[in-house]
Amino acid sequence: MGYETLRSRLAGAALIAAILWAPAAWSAAAVTSQLEVRQVVTAQGREMLRPAAAARPGDLLQYRAVYRNGGDTAAIHLLARLPVPAGTTLQIDSIRPAGAEASTDGTHFAPLPLMRTTTGADGRPHREPVPVADIRALRWDLGTLAANASTSVELRVRIDRPQPAAVPARPQGGRAIL
């Protein structure tokens, strides 16, 4: 390898290293997030939000995440993500803002309605909607958040009622086998 080739490669590597190690424009953005969980109750025909400390099965909870950019530059490519906790079911009409992607595992996201491929009785693959009860997370691409600005995302979940435990059948005239 000639001196000029080596020199140009080293210069290129130095440039890449400088880009990677130098403070980037987005590093001056200081985005913080705050999660609020409130119980949704209806009193006298009006919805009200109250602390969710005593929520029980059947109750409706609202998750709201507020993102604030306290920095002096815009935050770009801002992604927001909210879990849908196990033991709850997403209320699909509560998603704000529109355009969220959903996931059943918190890692792989796709647009709503979330679809999956199954094998039909005929042995061929079929596309079908994923049951809303299987959704475990939502993600939004919020784009750019200006300096000293804020935005929020929200969803609601219903706390699932526990399913009764299966009771072993008692054979006629005999003992139950547990």
N, C-alpha and C. Protein backbone atom coordinates (compact mmCIF):
# COMPACT_ATOMS: atom_id res chain seq x y z
N MET A 1 0.85 -1.15 0.00
CA MET A 1 0.00 0.00 0.00
C MET A 1 0.90 1.22 0.00
N GLY A 2 0.58 2.19 -0.85
CA GLY A 2 1.40 3.39 -0.95
C GLY A 2 1.13 4.36 0.20
N TYR A 3 2.05 5.29 0.33
CA TYR A 3 1.96 6.28 1.40
C TYR A 3 0.69 7.11 1.27
N GLU A 4 0.32 7.55 0.06
CA GLU A 4 -0.87 8.38 -0.15
C GLU A 4 -2.13 7.60 0.20
N THR A 5 -2.21 6.32 -0.16
CA THR A 5 -3.38 5.50 0.16
C THR A 5 -3.50 5.34 1.67
N LEU A 6 -2.38 5.03 2.33
CA LEU A 6 -2.38 4.89 3.79
C LEU A 6 -2.78 6.21 4.45
N ARG A 7 -2.24 7.31 3.93
CA ARG A 7 -2.54 8.62 4.50
C ARG A 7 -4.02 8.96 4.34
N SER A 8 -4.61 8.67 3.18
CA SER A 8 -6.03 8.99 2.97
C SER A 8 -6.91 8.10 3.84
N ARG A 9 -6.53 6.84 4.04
CA ARG A 9 -7.30 5.95 4.92
C ARG A 9 -7.22 6.42 6.38
N LEU A 10 -6.04 6.82 6.81
CA LEU A 10 -5.90 7.32 8.17
C LEU A 10 -6.68 8.62 8.36
N ALA A 11 -6.65 9.49 7.35
CA ALA A 11 -7.41 10.73 7.43
C ALA A 11 -8.90 10.43 7.51
N GLY A 12 -9.36 9.46 6.73
CA GLY A 12 -10.77 9.05 6.76
C GLY A 12 -11.14 8.48 8.11
N ALA A 13 -10.25 7.63 8.67
CA ALA A 13 -10.51 7.05 9.99
C ALA A 13 -10.54 8.13 11.06
N ALA A 14 -9.63 9.11 10.95
CA ALA A 14 -9.59 10.21 11.92
C ALA A 14 -10.87 11.05 11.83
N LEU A 15 -11.36 11.27 10.62
CA LEU A 15 -12.59 12.03 10.44
C LEU A 15 -13.77 11.28 11.06
N ILE A 16 -13.86 9.99 10.82
CA ILE A 16 -14.94 9.19 11.40
C ILE A 16 -14.85 9.21 12.92
N ALA A 17 -13.65 9.04 13.46
CA ALA A 17 -13.47 9.08 14.92
C ALA A 17 -13.87 10.43 15.48
N ALA A 18 -13.52 11.51 14.78
CA ALA A 18 -13.89 12.84 15.25
C ALA A 18 -15.39 13.02 15.25
N ILE A 19 -16.07 12.51 14.23
CA ILE A 19 -17.52 12.61 14.17
C ILE A 19 -18.15 11.82 15.31
N LEU A 20 -17.62 10.62 15.56
CA LEU A 20 -18.20 9.78 16.60
C LEU A 20 -17.91 10.30 18.00
N TRP A 21 -16.76 10.88 18.22
CA TRP A 21 -16.38 11.31 19.56
C TRP A 21 -16.73 12.76 19.86
N ALA A 22 -16.88 13.59 18.83
CA ALA A 22 -17.21 15.00 19.07
C ALA A 22 -18.66 15.09 19.53
N PRO A 23 -18.98 16.09 20.37
CA PRO A 23 -20.37 16.26 20.79
C PRO A 23 -21.23 16.54 19.56
N ALA A 24 -22.21 15.73 19.34
CA ALA A 24 -23.10 15.90 18.20
C ALA A 24 -24.14 16.96 18.52
N ALA A 25 -24.79 17.48 17.49
CA ALA A 25 -25.80 18.52 17.69
C ALA A 25 -26.91 18.03 18.60
N TRP A 26 -27.30 16.77 18.48
CA TRP A 26 -28.40 16.27 19.32
C TRP A 26 -27.98 16.05 20.76
N SER A 27 -26.67 16.04 21.04
CA SER A 27 -26.26 15.82 22.43
C SER A 27 -26.57 17.04 23.30
N ALA A 28 -26.80 18.20 22.69
CA ALA A 28 -27.14 19.38 23.45
C ALA A 28 -28.63 19.38 23.81
N ALA A 29 -29.39 18.49 23.20
CA ALA A 29 -30.78 18.34 23.58
C ALA A 29 -30.81 17.57 24.89
N ALA A 30 -31.64 18.01 25.79
CA ALA A 30 -31.73 17.38 27.11
C ALA A 30 -33.16 16.92 27.32
N VAL A 31 -33.49 15.76 26.76
CA VAL A 31 -34.85 15.25 26.83
C VAL A 31 -35.02 14.42 28.10
N THR A 32 -36.04 14.77 28.85
CA THR A 32 -36.42 13.99 30.03
C THR A 32 -37.84 13.48 29.83
N SER A 33 -38.17 12.44 30.54
CA SER A 33 -39.53 11.91 30.43
C SER A 33 -40.09 11.68 31.83
N GLN A 34 -41.39 11.79 31.93
CA GLN A 34 -42.08 11.54 33.18
C GLN A 34 -43.31 10.72 32.88
N LEU A 35 -43.47 9.61 33.58
CA LEU A 35 -44.62 8.72 33.39
C LEU A 35 -45.63 8.97 34.50
N GLU A 36 -46.86 9.18 34.10
CA GLU A 36 -47.97 9.34 35.04
C GLU A 36 -48.93 8.17 34.84
N VAL A 37 -49.36 7.54 35.91
CA VAL A 37 -50.35 6.48 35.85
C VAL A 37 -51.51 6.92 36.72
N ARG A 38 -52.69 7.03 36.13
CA ARG A 38 -53.88 7.49 36.84
C ARG A 38 -55.02 6.51 36.61
N GLN A 39 -55.88 6.41 37.59
CA GLN A 39 -57.09 5.60 37.44
C GLN A 39 -58.17 6.49 36.84
N VAL A 40 -58.88 5.97 35.85
CA VAL A 40 -59.96 6.70 35.20
C VAL A 40 -61.27 6.28 35.86
N VAL A 41 -61.96 7.25 36.43
CA VAL A 41 -63.24 6.97 37.07
C VAL A 41 -64.29 7.90 36.47
N THR A 42 -65.53 7.46 36.52
CA THR A 42 -66.63 8.28 36.03
C THR A 42 -67.50 8.65 37.23
N ALA A 43 -67.68 9.92 37.43
CA ALA A 43 -68.52 10.41 38.51
C ALA A 43 -69.45 11.48 37.94
N GLN A 44 -70.72 11.32 38.18
CA GLN A 44 -71.74 12.25 37.69
C GLN A 44 -71.62 12.46 36.18
N GLY A 45 -71.35 11.38 35.47
CA GLY A 45 -71.28 11.42 34.02
C GLY A 45 -70.00 12.03 33.45
N ARG A 46 -69.03 12.36 34.31
CA ARG A 46 -67.78 12.95 33.84
C ARG A 46 -66.61 12.07 34.19
N GLU A 47 -65.65 11.97 33.27
CA GLU A 47 -64.41 11.23 33.54
C GLU A 47 -63.51 12.07 34.42
N MET A 48 -62.91 11.41 35.40
CA MET A 48 -61.94 12.07 36.27
C MET A 48 -60.75 11.14 36.42
N LEU A 49 -59.59 11.73 36.67
CA LEU A 49 -58.37 10.95 36.90
C LEU A 49 -57.99 11.08 38.36
N ARG A 50 -57.63 9.95 38.97
CA ARG A 50 -57.19 9.99 40.36
C ARG A 50 -56.00 9.04 40.51
N PRO A 51 -55.27 9.13 41.62
CA PRO A 51 -54.11 8.25 41.81
C PRO A 51 -54.52 6.78 41.66
N ALA A 52 -53.63 6.01 41.08
CA ALA A 52 -53.94 4.61 40.76
C ALA A 52 -53.48 3.64 41.84
N ALA A 53 -53.21 4.11 43.02
CA ALA A 53 -52.67 3.26 44.08
C ALA A 53 -53.60 2.11 44.48
N ALA A 54 -54.90 2.30 44.37
CA ALA A 54 -55.84 1.28 44.83
C ALA A 54 -56.60 0.64 43.68
N ALA A 55 -56.00 0.58 42.51
CA ALA A 55 -56.69 0.01 41.35
C ALA A 55 -56.89 -1.49 41.53
N ARG A 56 -58.03 -1.98 41.02
CA ARG A 56 -58.41 -3.39 41.15
C ARG A 56 -58.78 -3.94 39.77
N PRO A 57 -58.92 -5.27 39.67
CA PRO A 57 -59.35 -5.85 38.40
C PRO A 57 -60.64 -5.20 37.91
N GLY A 58 -60.66 -4.92 36.62
CA GLY A 58 -61.80 -4.25 36.00
C GLY A 58 -61.61 -2.75 35.88
N ASP A 59 -60.68 -2.17 36.66
CA ASP A 59 -60.46 -0.72 36.62
C ASP A 59 -59.72 -0.32 35.35
N LEU A 60 -59.91 0.93 34.97
CA LEU A 60 -59.28 1.50 33.79
C LEU A 60 -58.16 2.43 34.25
N LEU A 61 -56.95 2.23 33.69
CA LEU A 61 -55.79 3.06 34.01
C LEU A 61 -55.34 3.82 32.78
N GLN A 62 -54.89 5.04 32.99
CA GLN A 62 -54.33 5.84 31.90
C GLN A 62 -52.83 6.02 32.14
N TYR A 63 -52.03 5.63 31.15
CA TYR A 63 -50.58 5.84 31.17
C TYR A 63 -50.30 7.02 30.26
N ARG A 64 -49.59 8.01 30.79
CA ARG A 64 -49.22 9.19 30.01
C ARG A 64 -47.75 9.49 30.25
N ALA A 65 -46.99 9.57 29.17
CA ALA A 65 -45.58 9.92 29.26
C ALA A 65 -45.39 11.29 28.63
N VAL A 66 -44.78 12.20 29.40
CA VAL A 66 -44.51 13.55 28.92
C VAL A 66 -43.01 13.64 28.67
N TYR A 67 -42.64 14.08 27.47
CA TYR A 67 -41.24 14.26 27.07
C TYR A 67 -40.97 15.75 26.97
N ARG A 68 -39.93 16.20 27.68
CA ARG A 68 -39.55 17.63 27.67
C ARG A 68 -38.11 17.76 27.18
N ASN A 69 -37.91 18.69 26.27
CA ASN A 69 -36.57 18.99 25.79
C ASN A 69 -36.13 20.29 26.45
N GLY A 70 -35.32 20.18 27.51
CA GLY A 70 -34.83 21.34 28.22
C GLY A 70 -33.52 21.86 27.65
N GLY A 71 -33.08 21.27 26.55
CA GLY A 71 -31.82 21.68 25.95
C GLY A 71 -31.97 22.91 25.07
N ASP A 72 -30.85 23.29 24.46
CA ASP A 72 -30.86 24.47 23.61
C ASP A 72 -30.91 24.14 22.13
N THR A 73 -31.04 22.87 21.79
CA THR A 73 -31.21 22.47 20.38
C THR A 73 -32.32 21.43 20.31
N ALA A 74 -32.80 21.23 19.12
CA ALA A 74 -33.87 20.26 18.90
C ALA A 74 -33.37 18.83 19.10
N ALA A 75 -34.25 17.98 19.59
CA ALA A 75 -33.96 16.55 19.68
C ALA A 75 -34.58 15.91 18.44
N ILE A 76 -33.77 15.21 17.68
CA ILE A 76 -34.27 14.61 16.44
C ILE A 76 -34.42 13.11 16.60
N HIS A 77 -35.29 12.54 15.80
CA HIS A 77 -35.56 11.09 15.80
C HIS A 77 -35.99 10.60 17.18
N LEU A 78 -36.87 11.35 17.82
CA LEU A 78 -37.33 10.99 19.16
C LEU A 78 -38.36 9.86 19.07
N LEU A 79 -38.06 8.76 19.75
CA LEU A 79 -38.97 7.62 19.83
C LEU A 79 -39.51 7.53 21.25
N ALA A 80 -40.81 7.38 21.37
CA ALA A 80 -41.44 7.20 22.68
C ALA A 80 -41.99 5.79 22.74
N ARG A 81 -41.90 5.19 23.92
CA ARG A 81 -42.36 3.81 24.07
C ARG A 81 -43.06 3.66 25.41
N LEU A 82 -44.22 3.02 25.39
CA LEU A 82 -44.94 2.72 26.62
C LEU A 82 -45.26 1.24 26.67
N PRO A 83 -45.03 0.62 27.82
CA PRO A 83 -45.40 -0.79 27.95
C PRO A 83 -46.90 -0.93 28.19
N VAL A 84 -47.41 -2.09 27.84
CA VAL A 84 -48.76 -2.49 28.21
C VAL A 84 -48.53 -3.62 29.21
N PRO A 85 -48.66 -3.34 30.50
CA PRO A 85 -48.27 -4.32 31.51
C PRO A 85 -49.02 -5.64 31.40
N ALA A 86 -48.35 -6.71 31.76
CA ALA A 86 -48.99 -8.02 31.83
C ALA A 86 -50.14 -7.91 32.81
N GLY A 87 -51.21 -8.61 32.53
CA GLY A 87 -52.39 -8.56 33.40
C GLY A 87 -53.32 -7.41 33.07
N THR A 88 -53.03 -6.71 31.95
CA THR A 88 -53.90 -5.63 31.49
C THR A 88 -54.18 -5.82 30.00
N THR A 89 -55.23 -5.17 29.53
CA THR A 89 -55.57 -5.20 28.11
C THR A 89 -55.65 -3.77 27.59
N LEU A 90 -54.93 -3.50 26.52
CA LEU A 90 -54.92 -2.19 25.87
C LEU A 90 -56.31 -1.83 25.38
N GLN A 91 -56.69 -0.58 25.61
CA GLN A 91 -57.93 -0.04 25.06
C GLN A 91 -57.54 0.68 23.77
N ILE A 92 -57.73 0.01 22.66
CA ILE A 92 -57.18 0.43 21.37
C ILE A 92 -57.63 1.84 20.97
N ASP A 93 -58.82 2.26 21.37
CA ASP A 93 -59.31 3.59 20.99
C ASP A 93 -58.74 4.71 21.84
N SER A 94 -57.88 4.39 22.80
CA SER A 94 -57.32 5.40 23.71
C SER A 94 -55.93 5.87 23.31
N ILE A 95 -55.37 5.33 22.26
CA ILE A 95 -53.98 5.61 21.88
C ILE A 95 -53.87 7.04 21.35
N ARG A 96 -52.99 7.84 21.97
CA ARG A 96 -52.75 9.22 21.56
C ARG A 96 -51.26 9.50 21.54
N PRO A 97 -50.74 10.12 20.53
CA PRO A 97 -51.38 10.44 19.25
C PRO A 97 -51.52 9.20 18.39
N ALA A 98 -52.25 9.37 17.31
CA ALA A 98 -52.43 8.27 16.35
C ALA A 98 -51.08 7.94 15.72
N GLY A 99 -51.00 6.79 15.11
CA GLY A 99 -49.78 6.42 14.38
C GLY A 99 -48.82 5.56 15.17
N ALA A 100 -49.25 5.05 16.31
CA ALA A 100 -48.37 4.20 17.12
C ALA A 100 -48.16 2.86 16.45
N GLU A 101 -47.01 2.27 16.73
CA GLU A 101 -46.72 0.90 16.32
C GLU A 101 -46.88 0.03 17.55
N ALA A 102 -47.23 -1.25 17.34
CA ALA A 102 -47.48 -2.16 18.45
C ALA A 102 -46.53 -3.34 18.42
N SER A 103 -46.41 -4.00 19.59
CA SER A 103 -45.52 -5.14 19.73
C SER A 103 -46.12 -6.13 20.72
N THR A 104 -45.87 -7.41 20.47
CA THR A 104 -46.28 -8.44 21.43
C THR A 104 -45.12 -8.82 22.35
N ASP A 105 -43.91 -8.38 22.02
CA ASP A 105 -42.73 -8.76 22.83
C ASP A 105 -41.92 -7.55 23.31
N GLY A 106 -42.31 -6.34 22.96
CA GLY A 106 -41.58 -5.15 23.38
C GLY A 106 -40.33 -4.88 22.57
N THR A 107 -40.06 -5.70 21.57
CA THR A 107 -38.86 -5.55 20.76
C THR A 107 -39.18 -5.32 19.29
N HIS A 108 -40.07 -6.11 18.74
CA HIS A 108 -40.43 -6.03 17.32
C HIS A 108 -41.75 -5.28 17.19
N PHE A 109 -41.73 -4.16 16.46
CA PHE A 109 -42.89 -3.30 16.33
C PHE A 109 -43.37 -3.26 14.89
N ALA A 110 -44.68 -3.08 14.71
CA ALA A 110 -45.29 -2.94 13.39
C ALA A 110 -46.53 -2.05 13.54
N PRO A 111 -46.97 -1.46 12.43
CA PRO A 111 -48.15 -0.58 12.49
C PRO A 111 -49.40 -1.34 12.95
N LEU A 112 -50.32 -0.59 13.54
CA LEU A 112 -51.63 -1.13 13.91
C LEU A 112 -52.53 -1.12 12.69
N PRO A 113 -53.43 -2.03 12.51
CA PRO A 113 -53.65 -3.19 13.35
C PRO A 113 -52.49 -4.18 13.18
N LEU A 114 -52.04 -4.71 14.30
CA LEU A 114 -50.94 -5.67 14.31
C LEU A 114 -51.44 -6.97 13.70
N MET A 115 -50.65 -7.52 12.76
CA MET A 115 -51.06 -8.73 12.06
C MET A 115 -50.03 -9.83 12.30
N ARG A 116 -50.47 -11.08 12.16
CA ARG A 116 -49.57 -12.23 12.25
C ARG A 116 -49.96 -13.23 11.18
N THR A 117 -49.01 -14.10 10.87
CA THR A 117 -49.25 -15.15 9.88
C THR A 117 -49.44 -16.47 10.62
N THR A 118 -50.51 -17.15 10.30
CA THR A 118 -50.78 -18.45 10.89
C THR A 118 -50.99 -19.44 9.75
N THR A 119 -50.93 -20.70 10.09
CA THR A 119 -51.19 -21.75 9.11
C THR A 119 -52.63 -22.18 9.25
N GLY A 120 -53.37 -22.08 8.16
CA GLY A 120 -54.78 -22.44 8.17
C GLY A 120 -54.98 -23.95 8.11
N ALA A 121 -56.22 -24.36 8.24
CA ALA A 121 -56.57 -25.78 8.18
C ALA A 121 -56.19 -26.37 6.82
N ASP A 122 -56.10 -25.52 5.81
CA ASP A 122 -55.72 -25.99 4.48
C ASP A 122 -54.21 -26.10 4.31
N GLY A 123 -53.46 -25.78 5.39
CA GLY A 123 -52.00 -25.88 5.34
C GLY A 123 -51.32 -24.66 4.75
N ARG A 124 -52.08 -23.68 4.33
CA ARG A 124 -51.50 -22.48 3.74
C ARG A 124 -51.44 -21.35 4.77
N PRO A 125 -50.45 -20.45 4.59
CA PRO A 125 -50.35 -19.32 5.52
C PRO A 125 -51.50 -18.34 5.32
N HIS A 126 -51.97 -17.79 6.43
CA HIS A 126 -53.04 -16.79 6.43
C HIS A 126 -52.64 -15.64 7.34
N ARG A 127 -53.01 -14.41 6.95
CA ARG A 127 -52.78 -13.24 7.80
C ARG A 127 -54.03 -12.99 8.62
N GLU A 128 -53.82 -12.74 9.91
CA GLU A 128 -54.94 -12.45 10.79
C GLU A 128 -54.50 -11.40 11.81
N PRO A 129 -55.46 -10.64 12.33
CA PRO A 129 -55.11 -9.64 13.35
C PRO A 129 -54.67 -10.31 14.65
N VAL A 130 -53.69 -9.71 15.30
CA VAL A 130 -53.26 -10.16 16.62
C VAL A 130 -54.31 -9.68 17.62
N PRO A 131 -54.76 -10.53 18.53
CA PRO A 131 -55.73 -10.06 19.54
C PRO A 131 -55.13 -8.90 20.35
N VAL A 132 -55.94 -7.90 20.62
CA VAL A 132 -55.49 -6.73 21.36
C VAL A 132 -54.91 -7.15 22.72
N ALA A 133 -55.44 -8.19 23.32
CA ALA A 133 -54.96 -8.66 24.63
C ALA A 133 -53.51 -9.13 24.57
N ASP A 134 -52.98 -9.41 23.38
CA ASP A 134 -51.59 -9.88 23.23
C ASP A 134 -50.59 -8.74 23.06
N ILE A 135 -51.06 -7.51 22.89
CA ILE A 135 -50.15 -6.38 22.69
C ILE A 135 -49.52 -6.01 24.02
N ARG A 136 -48.18 -5.91 24.04
CA ARG A 136 -47.45 -5.65 25.28
C ARG A 136 -46.71 -4.32 25.28
N ALA A 137 -46.68 -3.59 24.15
CA ALA A 137 -45.99 -2.30 24.12
C ALA A 137 -46.44 -1.51 22.90
N LEU A 138 -46.34 -0.18 23.01
CA LEU A 138 -46.58 0.72 21.88
C LEU A 138 -45.36 1.62 21.73
N ARG A 139 -45.13 2.05 20.48
CA ARG A 139 -44.00 2.95 20.19
C ARG A 139 -44.48 4.00 19.19
N TRP A 140 -44.04 5.24 19.42
CA TRP A 140 -44.36 6.34 18.53
C TRP A 140 -43.07 6.96 18.02
N ASP A 141 -43.03 7.33 16.75
CA ASP A 141 -41.94 8.13 16.20
C ASP A 141 -42.40 9.57 16.30
N LEU A 142 -41.86 10.30 17.27
CA LEU A 142 -42.29 11.67 17.50
C LEU A 142 -41.54 12.68 16.66
N GLY A 143 -40.56 12.20 15.89
CA GLY A 143 -39.83 13.10 15.00
C GLY A 143 -38.92 14.03 15.77
N THR A 144 -39.06 15.33 15.54
CA THR A 144 -38.21 16.34 16.16
C THR A 144 -38.95 17.05 17.27
N LEU A 145 -38.29 17.20 18.41
CA LEU A 145 -38.84 17.95 19.53
C LEU A 145 -37.97 19.19 19.72
N ALA A 146 -38.56 20.34 19.48
CA ALA A 146 -37.83 21.61 19.54
C ALA A 146 -37.27 21.86 20.94
N ALA A 147 -36.26 22.71 21.00
CA ALA A 147 -35.69 23.13 22.29
C ALA A 147 -36.79 23.76 23.14
N ASN A 148 -36.77 23.47 24.43
CA ASN A 148 -37.73 24.01 25.40
C ASN A 148 -39.19 23.70 25.04
N ALA A 149 -39.41 22.56 24.41
CA ALA A 149 -40.76 22.14 24.06
C ALA A 149 -41.07 20.81 24.75
N SER A 150 -42.33 20.45 24.74
CA SER A 150 -42.73 19.16 25.31
C SER A 150 -43.80 18.54 24.44
N THR A 151 -43.95 17.24 24.59
CA THR A 151 -44.98 16.48 23.90
C THR A 151 -45.32 15.29 24.78
N SER A 152 -46.43 14.64 24.49
CA SER A 152 -46.82 13.49 25.31
C SER A 152 -47.45 12.41 24.47
N VAL A 153 -47.45 11.20 25.03
CA VAL A 153 -48.12 10.05 24.45
C VAL A 153 -48.95 9.42 25.56
N GLU A 154 -50.03 8.75 25.18
CA GLU A 154 -50.83 8.10 26.22
C GLU A 154 -51.60 6.92 25.67
N LEU A 155 -51.96 6.07 26.61
CA LEU A 155 -52.80 4.91 26.32
C LEU A 155 -53.54 4.56 27.58
N ARG A 156 -54.59 3.77 27.42
CA ARG A 156 -55.34 3.27 28.56
C ARG A 156 -55.37 1.76 28.51
N VAL A 157 -55.38 1.17 29.70
CA VAL A 157 -55.47 -0.28 29.83
C VAL A 157 -56.54 -0.62 30.86
N ARG A 158 -57.17 -1.75 30.67
CA ARG A 158 -58.11 -2.28 31.66
C ARG A 158 -57.39 -3.38 32.41
N ILE A 159 -57.46 -3.35 33.74
CA ILE A 159 -56.85 -4.41 34.54
C ILE A 159 -57.71 -5.65 34.37
N ASP A 160 -57.08 -6.73 33.93
CA ASP A 160 -57.81 -7.97 33.67
C ASP A 160 -58.36 -8.56 34.96
N ARG A 161 -59.51 -9.16 34.83
CA ARG A 161 -60.08 -9.90 35.96
C ARG A 161 -59.40 -11.25 35.99
N PRO A 162 -59.02 -11.71 37.19
CA PRO A 162 -58.38 -13.03 37.25
C PRO A 162 -59.34 -14.11 36.78
N GLN A 163 -58.79 -15.05 36.07
CA GLN A 163 -59.59 -16.19 35.61
C GLN A 163 -59.71 -17.19 36.75
N PRO A 164 -60.90 -17.75 36.95
CA PRO A 164 -61.03 -18.74 38.02
C PRO A 164 -60.16 -19.95 37.72
N ALA A 165 -59.58 -20.50 38.77
CA ALA A 165 -58.74 -21.68 38.61
C ALA A 165 -59.62 -22.85 38.20
N ALA A 166 -59.06 -23.68 37.36
CA ALA A 166 -59.81 -24.87 36.93
C ALA A 166 -59.97 -25.80 38.13
N VAL A 167 -61.18 -26.25 38.33
CA VAL A 167 -61.45 -27.17 39.43
C VAL A 167 -61.43 -28.58 38.86
N PRO A 168 -60.64 -29.47 39.45
CA PRO A 168 -60.61 -30.82 38.93
C PRO A 168 -61.99 -31.46 39.01
N ALA A 169 -62.33 -32.20 37.97
CA ALA A 169 -63.62 -32.88 37.94
C ALA A 169 -63.61 -34.00 38.98
N ARG A 170 -64.72 -34.18 39.67
CA ARG A 170 -64.84 -35.25 40.64
C ARG A 170 -65.61 -36.38 39.97
N PRO A 171 -64.95 -37.52 39.83
CA PRO A 171 -65.64 -38.64 39.20
C PRO A 171 -66.87 -39.05 40.02
N GLN A 172 -67.88 -39.52 39.33
CA GLN A 172 -69.09 -39.97 40.01
C GLN A 172 -68.74 -41.10 40.96
N GLY A 173 -69.10 -40.94 42.22
CA GLY A 173 -68.93 -42.01 43.20
C GLY A 173 -67.48 -42.29 43.54
N GLY A 174 -66.56 -41.43 43.16
CA GLY A 174 -65.14 -41.69 43.45
C GLY A 174 -64.48 -40.49 44.08
N ARG A 175 -63.18 -40.49 44.07
CA ARG A 175 -62.40 -39.40 44.64
C ARG A 175 -61.84 -38.54 43.52
N ALA A 176 -61.65 -37.27 43.82
CA ALA A 176 -61.02 -36.39 42.84
C ALA A 176 -59.54 -36.73 42.78
N ILE A 177 -59.00 -36.73 41.60
CA ILE A 177 -57.57 -36.97 41.41
C ILE A 177 -56.93 -35.63 41.15
N LEU A 178 -56.03 -35.24 42.04
CA LEU A 178 -55.38 -33.93 41.92
C LEU A 178 -54.00 -34.05 41.38
